[in-house]
Amino acid sequence: TGSEYLHEEVTAAYAQVETRLWHNRLTLLGGARFERTRDSGQGPWVDLAAVYVRNANGTFARNAAGQRIRKPEAGAAGSMEELRLTRRERGYAAARDYDGIYPSAHLNFDVTRNFLVRAAYARTYGRPDLIDVIPNATFSENDLNEQDQNNPAVVKGTITVRNTALRPWTADNLDLSAEYYTDSGGILSAGVFRKEIRNFFGAQVRLADAAILDELVLDPAYVGWNVSSKFNAGDATSSGSEFNFRHSLRPLGRWGAPFTVFANATQLRLQGNRQADFTSFIPRTGNWGASFNWKRLGVMARWNHRGLDKRTAMPAVGTNGFQYFAARTTLDLSASWQL
């Protein structure tokens, strides 16, 4: 069952150009990357119904009591003889390839000595985990009579399979930010962003047709079976804003010199196909606090806020039922003394 193999070959090339204008106040950086991936793998093939005798038309042979008849060479349930029939080491093989071009462009402009504006566009991608594309298939055929076998409305069984054709998701990212640096070393920055995500991964159960079976490299005889796998199932748009501040209280006078205050926050909004696997999505996060440094003594207090954490779907609760972790705020206190 654990005997799996994958060979992955990635070929890539990129071109990049950078230039500075307006007495080096404006920096432009752009380029594109081409990448091709080729995967070939092997994994276990598990057919739990291989222990039963079949008739010429493919239906199960049955005894007088209507029970399925086991093959003589299948041995007892759970025996090594049974395992040799139901499992084939590296019996499921598949090969896939995909490619793409990923451009990007970045602009940095020094408005003044202390004020900087940034703008950027990039097309990015995320590969599926190897555990999701190494071939592996388990077949669980339902115990149907001849009439149900010939009824296209009856599901014949379930195939749990890894989708070797799973393609990487891609995202078009737009970012705009501004940063201001004070003469005393402080920083104030803010930004907005938008990400258009396509073909994100989602776990689904689909009724097999010819197109799905061809995608998963499965025999056309499995039309009408349920297929449980991961697919490129969802598109989504993620947009949001960011804020960051850090500054010493030295301008307030001698008493404020040992203190530094800081705060940052992120606001996110996610819209898209609910079948996409966007687990652990947190729309609001933030940190704030202060530090005190005087001679050898250092003290820091930091608050950390994590908003409502959306986890996995809970269909038993309802159509839009999900598991959530409640919002929480934690406080970290630390102190140090230098010898």
C-alpha atoms as a PDB file:
ATOM      1  CA  THR A   1       0.000   0.000   0.000  1.00  0.00           C
ATOM      2  CA  GLY A   2       2.883   2.369   0.721  1.00  0.00           C
ATOM      3  CA  SER A   3       4.853   1.508  -2.398  1.00  0.00           C
ATOM      4  CA  GLU A   4       4.664   4.733  -4.413  1.00  0.00           C
ATOM      5  CA  TYR A   5       6.936   6.385  -6.956  1.00  0.00           C
ATOM      6  CA  LEU A   6       7.027   9.813  -8.607  1.00  0.00           C
ATOM      7  CA  HIS A   7       9.464  11.374 -11.058  1.00  0.00           C
ATOM      8  CA  GLU A   8       9.039  15.127 -11.539  1.00  0.00           C
ATOM      9  CA  GLU A   9      11.028  17.168 -14.027  1.00  0.00           C
ATOM     10  CA  VAL A  10      10.800  20.965 -14.084  1.00  0.00           C
ATOM     11  CA  THR A  11      12.269  23.066 -16.891  1.00  0.00           C
ATOM     12  CA  ALA A  12      12.214  26.845 -16.613  1.00  0.00           C
ATOM     13  CA  ALA A  13      13.573  30.007 -18.217  1.00  0.00           C
ATOM     14  CA  TYR A  14      13.116  33.658 -17.366  1.00  0.00           C
ATOM     15  CA  ALA A  15      13.901  37.129 -18.661  1.00  0.00           C
ATOM     16  CA  GLN A  16      14.205  40.206 -16.452  1.00  0.00           C
ATOM     17  CA  VAL A  17      14.850  43.892 -17.030  1.00  0.00           C
ATOM     18  CA  GLU A  18      15.450  46.731 -14.567  1.00  0.00           C
ATOM     19  CA  THR A  19      15.852  50.440 -15.128  1.00  0.00           C
ATOM     20  CA  ARG A  20      16.047  53.649 -13.074  1.00  0.00           C
ATOM     21  CA  LEU A  21      14.643  57.024 -14.173  1.00  0.00           C
ATOM     22  CA  TRP A  22      14.288  60.557 -12.866  1.00  0.00           C
ATOM     23  CA  HIS A  23      17.650  60.668 -11.102  1.00  0.00           C
ATOM     24  CA  ASN A  24      17.067  57.174  -9.675  1.00  0.00           C
ATOM     25  CA  ARG A  25      13.803  58.187  -7.994  1.00  0.00           C
ATOM     26  CA  LEU A  26      11.755  55.795 -10.159  1.00  0.00           C
ATOM     27  CA  THR A  27      12.699  52.108 -10.353  1.00  0.00           C
ATOM     28  CA  LEU A  28      11.009  49.777 -12.845  1.00  0.00           C
ATOM     29  CA  LEU A  29      11.523  46.009 -12.686  1.00  0.00           C
ATOM     30  CA  GLY A  30       9.739  43.549 -14.926  1.00  0.00           C
ATOM     31  CA  GLY A  31      10.038  40.147 -16.488  1.00  0.00           C
ATOM     32  CA  ALA A  32       8.450  36.813 -17.194  1.00  0.00           C
ATOM     33  CA  ARG A  33       9.120  33.213 -16.268  1.00  0.00           C
ATOM     34  CA  PHE A  34       8.205  30.180 -18.371  1.00  0.00           C
ATOM     35  CA  GLU A  35       7.935  26.853 -16.600  1.00  0.00           C
ATOM     36  CA  ARG A  36       7.085  23.330 -17.748  1.00  0.00           C
ATOM     37  CA  THR A  37       6.475  20.422 -15.381  1.00  0.00           C
ATOM     38  CA  ARG A  38       6.419  16.739 -16.319  1.00  0.00           C
ATOM     39  CA  ASP A  39       5.226  14.137 -13.797  1.00  0.00           C
ATOM     40  CA  SER A  40       5.140  10.357 -14.068  1.00  0.00           C
ATOM     41  CA  GLY A  41       4.228   8.140 -11.158  1.00  0.00           C
ATOM     42  CA  GLN A  42       3.057   4.772  -9.924  1.00  0.00           C
ATOM     43  CA  GLY A  43       1.045   3.755  -6.912  1.00  0.00           C
ATOM     44  CA  PRO A  44      -1.161   0.986  -5.478  1.00  0.00           C
ATOM     45  CA  TRP A  45      -4.284  -0.341  -7.192  1.00  0.00           C
ATOM     46  CA  VAL A  46      -6.849  -1.644  -4.699  1.00  0.00           C
ATOM     47  CA  ASP A  47      -9.964  -3.489  -5.951  1.00  0.00           C
ATOM     48  CA  LEU A  48     -11.911  -4.836  -2.985  1.00  0.00           C
ATOM     49  CA  ALA A  49     -14.317  -6.809  -5.219  1.00  0.00           C
ATOM     50  CA  ALA A  50     -11.561  -8.839  -6.903  1.00  0.00           C
ATOM     51  CA  VAL A  51     -12.174 -11.735  -4.470  1.00  0.00           C
ATOM     52  CA  TYR A  52     -15.601 -12.550  -5.951  1.00  0.00           C
ATOM     53  CA  VAL A  53     -16.513 -14.782  -8.897  1.00  0.00           C
ATOM     54  CA  ARG A  54     -18.199 -12.995 -11.816  1.00  0.00           C
ATOM     55  CA  ASN A  55     -20.553 -14.139 -14.527  1.00  0.00           C
ATOM     56  CA  ALA A  56     -19.775 -13.675 -18.219  1.00  0.00           C
ATOM     57  CA  ASN A  57     -21.764 -10.412 -18.277  1.00  0.00           C
ATOM     58  CA  GLY A  58     -19.691  -8.948 -15.435  1.00  0.00           C
ATOM     59  CA  THR A  59     -22.258  -9.380 -12.636  1.00  0.00           C
ATOM     60  CA  PHE A  60     -21.399 -11.197  -9.418  1.00  0.00           C
ATOM     61  CA  ALA A  61     -22.024 -14.956  -9.273  1.00  0.00           C
ATOM     62  CA  ARG A  62     -24.260 -15.866  -6.336  1.00  0.00           C
ATOM     63  CA  ASN A  63     -25.162 -18.965  -4.353  1.00  0.00           C
ATOM     64  CA  ALA A  64     -28.675 -20.192  -3.590  1.00  0.00           C
ATOM     65  CA  ALA A  65     -28.948 -17.741  -0.701  1.00  0.00           C
ATOM     66  CA  GLY A  66     -28.142 -14.805  -3.013  1.00  0.00           C
ATOM     67  CA  GLN A  67     -24.702 -14.187  -1.518  1.00  0.00           C
ATOM     68  CA  ARG A  68     -21.657 -13.409  -3.633  1.00  0.00           C
ATOM     69  CA  ILE A  69     -19.310 -16.379  -4.161  1.00  0.00           C
ATOM     70  CA  ARG A  70     -15.666 -15.944  -3.209  1.00  0.00           C
ATOM     71  CA  LYS A  71     -12.941 -17.238  -5.493  1.00  0.00           C
ATOM     72  CA  PRO A  72     -11.252 -20.388  -4.149  1.00  0.00           C
ATOM     73  CA  GLU A  73      -7.835 -18.713  -4.411  1.00  0.00           C
ATOM     74  CA  ALA A  74      -9.038 -15.745  -2.327  1.00  0.00           C
ATOM     75  CA  GLY A  75      -8.656 -17.645   0.933  1.00  0.00           C
ATOM     76  CA  ALA A  76     -10.258 -16.375   4.116  1.00  0.00           C
ATOM     77  CA  ALA A  77     -11.210 -12.760   4.705  1.00  0.00           C
ATOM     78  CA  GLY A  78      -8.137 -10.778   5.723  1.00  0.00           C
ATOM     79  CA  SER A  79      -5.709 -13.470   4.556  1.00  0.00           C
ATOM     80  CA  MET A  80      -2.561 -12.917   2.487  1.00  0.00           C
ATOM     81  CA  GLU A  81      -4.270 -14.759  -0.382  1.00  0.00           C
ATOM     82  CA  GLU A  82      -7.027 -12.148  -0.361  1.00  0.00           C
ATOM     83  CA  LEU A  83      -4.517  -9.284  -0.286  1.00  0.00           C
ATOM     84  CA  ARG A  84      -2.726 -10.654  -3.349  1.00  0.00           C
ATOM     85  CA  LEU A  85      -5.987 -10.419  -5.297  1.00  0.00           C
ATOM     86  CA  THR A  86      -7.247  -7.059  -4.037  1.00  0.00           C
ATOM     87  CA  ARG A  87      -3.958  -5.127  -4.144  1.00  0.00           C
ATOM     88  CA  ARG A  88      -1.459  -4.657  -6.948  1.00  0.00           C
ATOM     89  CA  GLU A  89       1.815  -2.988  -6.066  1.00  0.00           C
ATOM     90  CA  ARG A  90       2.311   0.072  -8.300  1.00  0.00           C
ATOM     91  CA  GLY A  91      -0.552  -1.174 -10.443  1.00  0.00           C
ATOM     92  CA  TYR A  92      -1.834   2.326 -11.167  1.00  0.00           C
ATOM     93  CA  ALA A  93       0.441   4.483 -13.357  1.00  0.00           C
ATOM     94  CA  ALA A  94      -0.066   7.904 -14.904  1.00  0.00           C
ATOM     95  CA  ALA A  95       1.950  10.677 -16.560  1.00  0.00           C
ATOM     96  CA  ARG A  96       1.076  14.348 -16.957  1.00  0.00           C
ATOM     97  CA  ASP A  97       2.677  17.616 -18.032  1.00  0.00           C
ATOM     98  CA  TYR A  98       1.680  21.280 -17.849  1.00  0.00           C
ATOM     99  CA  ASP A  99       3.315  24.645 -18.490  1.00  0.00           C
ATOM    100  CA  GLY A 100       2.663  28.339 -18.082  1.00  0.00           C
ATOM    101  CA  ILE A 101       4.075  31.851 -18.405  1.00  0.00           C
ATOM    102  CA  TYR A 102       4.193  34.009 -15.264  1.00  0.00           C
ATOM    103  CA  PRO A 103       4.901  37.722 -15.856  1.00  0.00           C
ATOM    104  CA  SER A 104       5.473  40.416 -13.242  1.00  0.00           C
ATOM    105  CA  ALA A 105       6.077  44.171 -13.077  1.00  0.00           C
ATOM    106  CA  HIS A 106       7.143  46.308 -10.108  1.00  0.00           C
ATOM    107  CA  LEU A 107       7.336  50.090  -9.703  1.00  0.00           C
ATOM    108  CA  ASN A 108       8.988  51.978  -6.816  1.00  0.00           C
ATOM    109  CA  PHE A 109       8.811  55.779  -6.725  1.00  0.00           C
ATOM    110  CA  ASP A 110      10.545  58.032  -4.195  1.00  0.00           C
ATOM    111  CA  VAL A 111       8.072  60.907  -3.973  1.00  0.00           C
ATOM    112  CA  THR A 112      10.289  62.615  -1.371  1.00  0.00           C
ATOM    113  CA  ARG A 113      13.283  61.570   0.683  1.00  0.00           C
ATOM    114  CA  ASN A 114      10.937  60.104   3.294  1.00  0.00           C
ATOM    115  CA  PHE A 115       7.910  59.071   1.211  1.00  0.00           C
ATOM    116  CA  LEU A 116       7.887  55.950  -1.029  1.00  0.00           C
ATOM    117  CA  VAL A 117       5.104  54.577  -3.257  1.00  0.00           C
ATOM    118  CA  ARG A 118       5.059  51.018  -4.631  1.00  0.00           C
ATOM    119  CA  ALA A 119       2.877  49.340  -7.261  1.00  0.00           C
ATOM    120  CA  ALA A 120       3.158  45.771  -8.504  1.00  0.00           C
ATOM    121  CA  TYR A 121       1.531  43.126 -10.659  1.00  0.00           C
ATOM    122  CA  ALA A 122       2.487  39.445 -10.678  1.00  0.00           C
ATOM    123  CA  ARG A 123       1.018  36.199 -11.914  1.00  0.00           C
ATOM    124  CA  THR A 124       1.819  33.474  -9.405  1.00  0.00           C
ATOM    125  CA  TYR A 125       0.988  29.800  -9.044  1.00  0.00           C
ATOM    126  CA  GLY A 126       0.806  27.064  -6.439  1.00  0.00           C
ATOM    127  CA  ARG A 127       1.557  23.436  -7.176  1.00  0.00           C
ATOM    128  CA  PRO A 128      -0.528  20.625  -5.680  1.00  0.00           C
ATOM    129  CA  ASP A 129       1.120  18.655  -2.889  1.00  0.00           C
ATOM    130  CA  LEU A 130       2.951  15.538  -4.067  1.00  0.00           C
ATOM    131  CA  ILE A 131       0.648  13.394  -1.922  1.00  0.00           C
ATOM    132  CA  ASP A 132      -2.253  14.616  -4.097  1.00  0.00           C
ATOM    133  CA  VAL A 133      -0.768  13.612  -7.483  1.00  0.00           C
ATOM    134  CA  ILE A 134       1.117  10.344  -6.855  1.00  0.00           C
ATOM    135  CA  PRO A 135      -1.148   7.672  -8.440  1.00  0.00           C
ATOM    136  CA  ASN A 136      -3.291   5.750  -5.954  1.00  0.00           C
ATOM    137  CA  ALA A 137      -6.718   4.204  -6.562  1.00  0.00           C
ATOM    138  CA  THR A 138      -9.182   2.207  -4.435  1.00  0.00           C
ATOM    139  CA  PHE A 139     -12.315   0.625  -5.948  1.00  0.00           C
ATOM    140  CA  SER A 140     -15.308  -0.249  -3.800  1.00  0.00           C
ATOM    141  CA  GLU A 141     -18.041  -1.855  -5.886  1.00  0.00           C
ATOM    142  CA  ASN A 142     -21.603  -1.963  -4.597  1.00  0.00           C
ATOM    143  CA  ASP A 143     -23.294  -5.360  -4.202  1.00  0.00           C
ATOM    144  CA  LEU A 144     -25.859  -5.016  -7.000  1.00  0.00           C
ATOM    145  CA  ASN A 145     -28.095  -7.539  -8.718  1.00  0.00           C
ATOM    146  CA  GLU A 146     -28.216  -7.889 -12.492  1.00  0.00           C
ATOM    147  CA  GLN A 147     -31.168  -5.527 -12.800  1.00  0.00           C
ATOM    148  CA  ASP A 148     -29.399  -2.737 -10.883  1.00  0.00           C
ATOM    149  CA  GLN A 149     -26.187  -3.375 -12.794  1.00  0.00           C
ATOM    150  CA  ASN A 150     -28.010  -2.548 -16.030  1.00  0.00           C
ATOM    151  CA  ASN A 151     -29.814   0.491 -14.575  1.00  0.00           C
ATOM    152  CA  PRO A 152     -27.875   3.688 -15.470  1.00  0.00           C
ATOM    153  CA  ALA A 153     -29.584   5.544 -12.600  1.00  0.00           C
ATOM    154  CA  VAL A 154     -27.973   3.262  -9.990  1.00  0.00           C
ATOM    155  CA  VAL A 155     -24.467   4.152  -8.782  1.00  0.00           C
ATOM    156  CA  LYS A 156     -22.255   1.121  -9.322  1.00  0.00           C
ATOM    157  CA  GLY A 157     -19.642   1.899  -6.685  1.00  0.00           C
ATOM    158  CA  THR A 158     -17.088   4.422  -5.436  1.00  0.00           C
ATOM    159  CA  ILE A 159     -13.566   5.093  -6.679  1.00  0.00           C
ATOM    160  CA  THR A 160     -11.261   6.959  -4.320  1.00  0.00           C
ATOM    161  CA  VAL A 161      -8.406   8.173  -6.463  1.00  0.00           C
ATOM    162  CA  ARG A 162      -5.664  10.772  -6.493  1.00  0.00           C
ATOM    163  CA  ASN A 163      -5.991  13.146  -9.401  1.00  0.00           C
ATOM    164  CA  THR A 164      -2.687  13.026 -11.284  1.00  0.00           C
ATOM    165  CA  ALA A 165      -4.084  15.656 -13.670  1.00  0.00           C
ATOM    166  CA  LEU A 166      -4.468  18.234 -10.891  1.00  0.00           C
ATOM    167  CA  ARG A 167      -3.028  21.469 -12.266  1.00  0.00           C
ATOM    168  CA  PRO A 168      -1.492  24.277 -10.212  1.00  0.00           C
ATOM    169  CA  TRP A 169      -3.755  27.151  -9.257  1.00  0.00           C
ATOM    170  CA  THR A 170      -2.814  30.559 -10.649  1.00  0.00           C
ATOM    171  CA  ALA A 171      -3.406  34.058  -9.334  1.00  0.00           C
ATOM    172  CA  ASP A 172      -3.188  37.545 -10.820  1.00  0.00           C
ATOM    173  CA  ASN A 173      -2.018  39.838  -8.021  1.00  0.00           C
ATOM    174  CA  LEU A 174      -2.271  43.627  -7.855  1.00  0.00           C
ATOM    175  CA  ASP A 175      -0.622  45.523  -4.994  1.00  0.00           C
ATOM    176  CA  LEU A 176      -0.409  49.239  -4.173  1.00  0.00           C
ATOM    177  CA  SER A 177       1.274  50.618  -1.055  1.00  0.00           C
ATOM    178  CA  ALA A 178       2.782  53.786   0.407  1.00  0.00           C
ATOM    179  CA  GLU A 179       5.464  54.134   3.095  1.00  0.00           C
ATOM    180  CA  TYR A 180       6.514  57.164   5.124  1.00  0.00           C
ATOM    181  CA  TYR A 181       9.713  57.164   7.206  1.00  0.00           C
ATOM    182  CA  THR A 182      10.159  59.762   9.923  1.00  0.00           C
ATOM    183  CA  ASP A 183      13.463  61.479  10.701  1.00  0.00           C
ATOM    184  CA  SER A 184      13.560  59.711  14.072  1.00  0.00           C
ATOM    185  CA  GLY A 185      13.363  56.193  12.573  1.00  0.00           C
ATOM    186  CA  GLY A 186       9.611  55.550  12.632  1.00  0.00           C
ATOM    187  CA  ILE A 187       7.524  54.085   9.805  1.00  0.00           C
ATOM    188  CA  LEU A 188       3.918  54.477   8.710  1.00  0.00           C
ATOM    189  CA  SER A 189       2.732  52.321   5.792  1.00  0.00           C
ATOM    190  CA  ALA A 190      -0.563  51.301   4.225  1.00  0.00           C
ATOM    191  CA  GLY A 191      -1.502  49.176   1.250  1.00  0.00           C
ATOM    192  CA  VAL A 192      -4.339  47.593  -0.689  1.00  0.00           C
ATOM    193  CA  PHE A 193      -4.281  44.437  -2.790  1.00  0.00           C
ATOM    194  CA  ARG A 194      -6.447  42.207  -4.942  1.00  0.00           C
ATOM    195  CA  LYS A 195      -5.834  38.605  -6.004  1.00  0.00           C
ATOM    196  CA  GLU A 196      -7.790  36.827  -8.724  1.00  0.00           C
ATOM    197  CA  ILE A 197      -7.323  33.100  -8.016  1.00  0.00           C
ATOM    198  CA  ARG A 198      -8.267  30.481 -10.612  1.00  0.00           C
ATOM    199  CA  ASN A 199      -8.521  26.688 -10.494  1.00  0.00           C
ATOM    200  CA  PHE A 200      -7.997  26.324  -6.759  1.00  0.00           C
ATOM    201  CA  PHE A 201      -8.154  22.820  -5.330  1.00  0.00           C
ATOM    202  CA  GLY A 202     -11.304  21.311  -3.890  1.00  0.00           C
ATOM    203  CA  ALA A 203     -12.263  17.810  -2.731  1.00  0.00           C
ATOM    204  CA  GLN A 204     -15.399  16.565  -4.494  1.00  0.00           C
ATOM    205  CA  VAL A 205     -17.433  13.465  -5.267  1.00  0.00           C
ATOM    206  CA  ARG A 206     -18.484  13.411  -8.922  1.00  0.00           C
ATOM    207  CA  LEU A 207     -20.462  10.937 -11.014  1.00  0.00           C
ATOM    208  CA  ALA A 208     -17.966   9.540 -13.504  1.00  0.00           C
ATOM    209  CA  ASP A 209     -18.436  10.237 -17.186  1.00  0.00           C
ATOM    210  CA  ALA A 210     -16.085   9.624 -20.116  1.00  0.00           C
ATOM    211  CA  ALA A 211     -14.292  12.966 -19.676  1.00  0.00           C
ATOM    212  CA  ILE A 212     -13.585  12.435 -15.954  1.00  0.00           C
ATOM    213  CA  LEU A 213     -12.370   8.875 -16.506  1.00  0.00           C
ATOM    214  CA  ASP A 214     -10.042  10.055 -19.270  1.00  0.00           C
ATOM    215  CA  GLU A 215      -8.674  12.787 -16.994  1.00  0.00           C
ATOM    216  CA  LEU A 216      -7.991  10.271 -14.215  1.00  0.00           C
ATOM    217  CA  VAL A 217      -6.611   7.585 -16.584  1.00  0.00           C
ATOM    218  CA  LEU A 218      -9.356   5.093 -15.656  1.00  0.00           C
ATOM    219  CA  ASP A 219     -11.143   2.495 -17.750  1.00  0.00           C
ATOM    220  CA  PRO A 220     -14.345   3.721 -19.524  1.00  0.00           C
ATOM    221  CA  ALA A 221     -16.145   0.753 -17.911  1.00  0.00           C
ATOM    222  CA  TYR A 222     -16.389   2.809 -14.716  1.00  0.00           C
ATOM    223  CA  VAL A 223     -18.952   5.238 -16.163  1.00  0.00           C
ATOM    224  CA  GLY A 224     -21.703   5.687 -13.549  1.00  0.00           C
ATOM    225  CA  TRP A 225     -19.431   5.193 -10.548  1.00  0.00           C
ATOM    226  CA  ASN A 226     -18.901   7.875  -7.914  1.00  0.00           C
ATOM    227  CA  VAL A 227     -15.374   9.327  -8.067  1.00  0.00           C
ATOM    228  CA  SER A 228     -13.952  10.879  -4.904  1.00  0.00           C
ATOM    229  CA  SER A 229     -10.888  13.002  -5.608  1.00  0.00           C
ATOM    230  CA  LYS A 230      -9.439  16.502  -5.660  1.00  0.00           C
ATOM    231  CA  PHE A 231     -10.236  18.639  -8.688  1.00  0.00           C
ATOM    232  CA  ASN A 232      -9.457  22.139  -9.904  1.00  0.00           C
ATOM    233  CA  ALA A 233     -12.810  23.176  -8.582  1.00  0.00           C
ATOM    234  CA  GLY A 234     -12.886  26.811  -7.615  1.00  0.00           C
ATOM    235  CA  ASP A 235     -12.166  30.422  -8.546  1.00  0.00           C
ATOM    236  CA  ALA A 236     -12.043  33.192  -5.996  1.00  0.00           C
ATOM    237  CA  THR A 237     -11.174  36.814  -5.441  1.00  0.00           C
ATOM    238  CA  SER A 238      -9.233  37.883  -2.368  1.00  0.00           C
ATOM    239  CA  SER A 239      -8.975  41.601  -1.650  1.00  0.00           C
ATOM    240  CA  GLY A 240      -7.896  43.530   1.373  1.00  0.00           C
ATOM    241  CA  SER A 241      -5.860  46.254   3.011  1.00  0.00           C
ATOM    242  CA  GLU A 242      -2.860  46.428   5.328  1.00  0.00           C
ATOM    243  CA  PHE A 243      -1.627  48.985   7.844  1.00  0.00           C
ATOM    244  CA  ASN A 244       1.647  49.188   9.772  1.00  0.00           C
ATOM    245  CA  PHE A 245       2.957  51.755  12.264  1.00  0.00           C
ATOM    246  CA  ARG A 246       6.036  51.873  14.460  1.00  0.00           C
ATOM    247  CA  HIS A 247       7.502  54.910  16.214  1.00  0.00           C
ATOM    248  CA  SER A 248       9.497  55.993  19.233  1.00  0.00           C
ATOM    249  CA  LEU A 249       7.937  58.393  21.740  1.00  0.00           C
ATOM    250  CA  ARG A 250      11.209  60.332  21.899  1.00  0.00           C
ATOM    251  CA  PRO A 251       9.630  63.481  20.320  1.00  0.00           C
ATOM    252  CA  LEU A 252       7.428  63.802  23.431  1.00  0.00           C
ATOM    253  CA  GLY A 253      10.427  64.544  25.584  1.00  0.00           C
ATOM    254  CA  ARG A 254      12.860  62.845  27.922  1.00  0.00           C
ATOM    255  CA  TRP A 255      10.228  60.653  29.571  1.00  0.00           C
ATOM    256  CA  GLY A 256       9.105  59.218  26.210  1.00  0.00           C
ATOM    257  CA  ALA A 257      12.588  58.282  24.942  1.00  0.00           C
ATOM    258  CA  PRO A 258      12.575  54.696  26.312  1.00  0.00           C
ATOM    259  CA  PHE A 259       9.179  53.866  24.752  1.00  0.00           C
ATOM    260  CA  THR A 260       8.330  52.574  21.276  1.00  0.00           C
ATOM    261  CA  VAL A 261       4.760  51.857  20.163  1.00  0.00           C
ATOM    262  CA  PHE A 262       3.712  49.693  17.220  1.00  0.00           C
ATOM    263  CA  ALA A 263       0.563  48.412  15.517  1.00  0.00           C
ATOM    264  CA  ASN A 264      -0.371  46.549  12.333  1.00  0.00           C
ATOM    265  CA  ALA A 265      -3.598  45.174  10.931  1.00  0.00           C
ATOM    266  CA  THR A 266      -4.853  43.242   7.900  1.00  0.00           C
ATOM    267  CA  GLN A 267      -8.405  43.126   6.558  1.00  0.00           C
ATOM    268  CA  LEU A 268      -9.311  40.389   4.010  1.00  0.00           C
ATOM    269  CA  ARG A 269     -12.367  39.628   1.928  1.00  0.00           C
ATOM    270  CA  LEU A 270     -12.789  36.335   0.074  1.00  0.00           C
ATOM    271  CA  GLN A 271     -15.423  35.751  -2.590  1.00  0.00           C
ATOM    272  CA  GLY A 272     -15.749  32.757  -4.878  1.00  0.00           C
ATOM    273  CA  ASN A 273     -16.703  29.169  -5.433  1.00  0.00           C
ATOM    274  CA  ARG A 274     -17.529  27.541  -2.102  1.00  0.00           C
ATOM    275  CA  GLN A 275     -16.151  24.225  -3.394  1.00  0.00           C
ATOM    276  CA  ALA A 276     -12.613  25.619  -3.338  1.00  0.00           C
ATOM    277  CA  ASP A 277     -10.546  24.431  -0.389  1.00  0.00           C
ATOM    278  CA  PHE A 278      -9.847  27.767   1.346  1.00  0.00           C
ATOM    279  CA  THR A 279      -9.536  26.309   4.815  1.00  0.00           C
ATOM    280  CA  SER A 280      -8.406  28.406   7.771  1.00  0.00           C
ATOM    281  CA  PHE A 281      -9.455  31.710   6.221  1.00  0.00           C
ATOM    282  CA  ILE A 282      -9.186  34.572   8.748  1.00  0.00           C
ATOM    283  CA  PRO A 283     -10.660  37.914   7.588  1.00  0.00           C
ATOM    284  CA  ARG A 284      -9.128  40.115  10.316  1.00  0.00           C
ATOM    285  CA  THR A 285      -5.763  39.975  12.059  1.00  0.00           C
ATOM    286  CA  GLY A 286      -3.791  42.556  14.012  1.00  0.00           C
ATOM    287  CA  ASN A 287      -0.935  43.180  16.422  1.00  0.00           C
ATOM    288  CA  TRP A 288      -0.256  46.136  18.678  1.00  0.00           C
ATOM    289  CA  GLY A 289       1.816  46.927  21.718  1.00  0.00           C
ATOM    290  CA  ALA A 290       4.710  48.864  23.205  1.00  0.00           C
ATOM    291  CA  SER A 291       8.288  48.286  24.302  1.00  0.00           C
ATOM    292  CA  PHE A 292      10.337  49.960  27.038  1.00  0.00           C
ATOM    293  CA  ASN A 293      14.153  50.001  26.942  1.00  0.00           C
ATOM    294  CA  TRP A 294      16.141  51.776  29.658  1.00  0.00           C
ATOM    295  CA  LYS A 295      19.797  51.034  30.325  1.00  0.00           C
ATOM    296  CA  ARG A 296      19.938  47.233  30.804  1.00  0.00           C
ATOM    297  CA  LEU A 297      16.210  46.688  31.224  1.00  0.00           C
ATOM    298  CA  GLY A 298      13.869  45.770  28.375  1.00  0.00           C
ATOM    299  CA  VAL A 299      10.103  45.160  28.667  1.00  0.00           C
ATOM    300  CA  MET A 300       7.592  44.428  25.880  1.00  0.00           C
ATOM    301  CA  ALA A 301       3.824  43.941  25.770  1.00  0.00           C
ATOM    302  CA  ARG A 302       2.303  42.626  22.542  1.00  0.00           C
ATOM    303  CA  TRP A 303      -1.357  41.945  21.821  1.00  0.00           C
ATOM    304  CA  ASN A 304      -2.223  39.580  18.951  1.00  0.00           C
ATOM    305  CA  HIS A 305      -5.745  39.377  17.503  1.00  0.00           C
ATOM    306  CA  ARG A 306      -6.977  36.633  15.161  1.00  0.00           C
ATOM    307  CA  GLY A 307     -10.491  37.025  13.832  1.00  0.00           C
ATOM    308  CA  LEU A 308     -13.069  34.335  13.141  1.00  0.00           C
ATOM    309  CA  ASP A 309     -11.263  31.318  11.646  1.00  0.00           C
ATOM    310  CA  LYS A 310     -13.318  29.512   8.970  1.00  0.00           C
ATOM    311  CA  ARG A 311     -12.366  25.833   8.673  1.00  0.00           C
ATOM    312  CA  THR A 312     -13.887  22.807   6.924  1.00  0.00           C
ATOM    313  CA  ALA A 313     -17.420  22.508   5.548  1.00  0.00           C
ATOM    314  CA  MET A 314     -20.039  20.760   7.723  1.00  0.00           C
ATOM    315  CA  PRO A 315     -22.729  19.586   5.256  1.00  0.00           C
ATOM    316  CA  ALA A 316     -24.561  17.685   8.010  1.00  0.00           C
ATOM    317  CA  VAL A 317     -25.339  21.046   9.643  1.00  0.00           C
ATOM    318  CA  GLY A 318     -26.638  22.688   6.483  1.00  0.00           C
ATOM    319  CA  THR A 319     -25.817  23.833   2.966  1.00  0.00           C
ATOM    320  CA  ASN A 320     -23.655  26.690   4.219  1.00  0.00           C
ATOM    321  CA  GLY A 321     -22.501  24.973   7.416  1.00  0.00           C
ATOM    322  CA  PHE A 322     -18.828  25.332   8.365  1.00  0.00           C
ATOM    323  CA  GLN A 323     -16.665  24.694  11.378  1.00  0.00           C
ATOM    324  CA  TYR A 324     -15.277  27.871  12.963  1.00  0.00           C
ATOM    325  CA  PHE A 325     -12.698  28.768  15.564  1.00  0.00           C
ATOM    326  CA  ALA A 326     -13.866  31.802  17.515  1.00  0.00           C
ATOM    327  CA  ALA A 327     -11.962  35.086  17.352  1.00  0.00           C
ATOM    328  CA  ARG A 328      -9.363  35.473  20.077  1.00  0.00           C
ATOM    329  CA  THR A 329      -6.869  38.016  21.386  1.00  0.00           C
ATOM    330  CA  THR A 330      -3.721  36.986  23.267  1.00  0.00           C
ATOM    331  CA  LEU A 331      -1.241  39.049  25.268  1.00  0.00           C
ATOM    332  CA  ASP A 332       2.480  38.281  25.381  1.00  0.00           C
ATOM    333  CA  LEU A 333       4.636  39.897  28.051  1.00  0.00           C
ATOM    334  CA  SER A 334       8.422  39.660  28.112  1.00  0.00           C
ATOM    335  CA  ALA A 335      11.229  41.240  30.108  1.00  0.00           C
ATOM    336  CA  SER A 336      15.007  41.062  29.826  1.00  0.00           C
ATOM    337  CA  TRP A 337      18.045  42.260  31.762  1.00  0.00           C
ATOM    338  CA  GLN A 338      21.446  42.494  30.096  1.00  0.00           C
ATOM    339  CA  LEU A 339      24.422  41.551  32.283  1.00  0.00           C
END
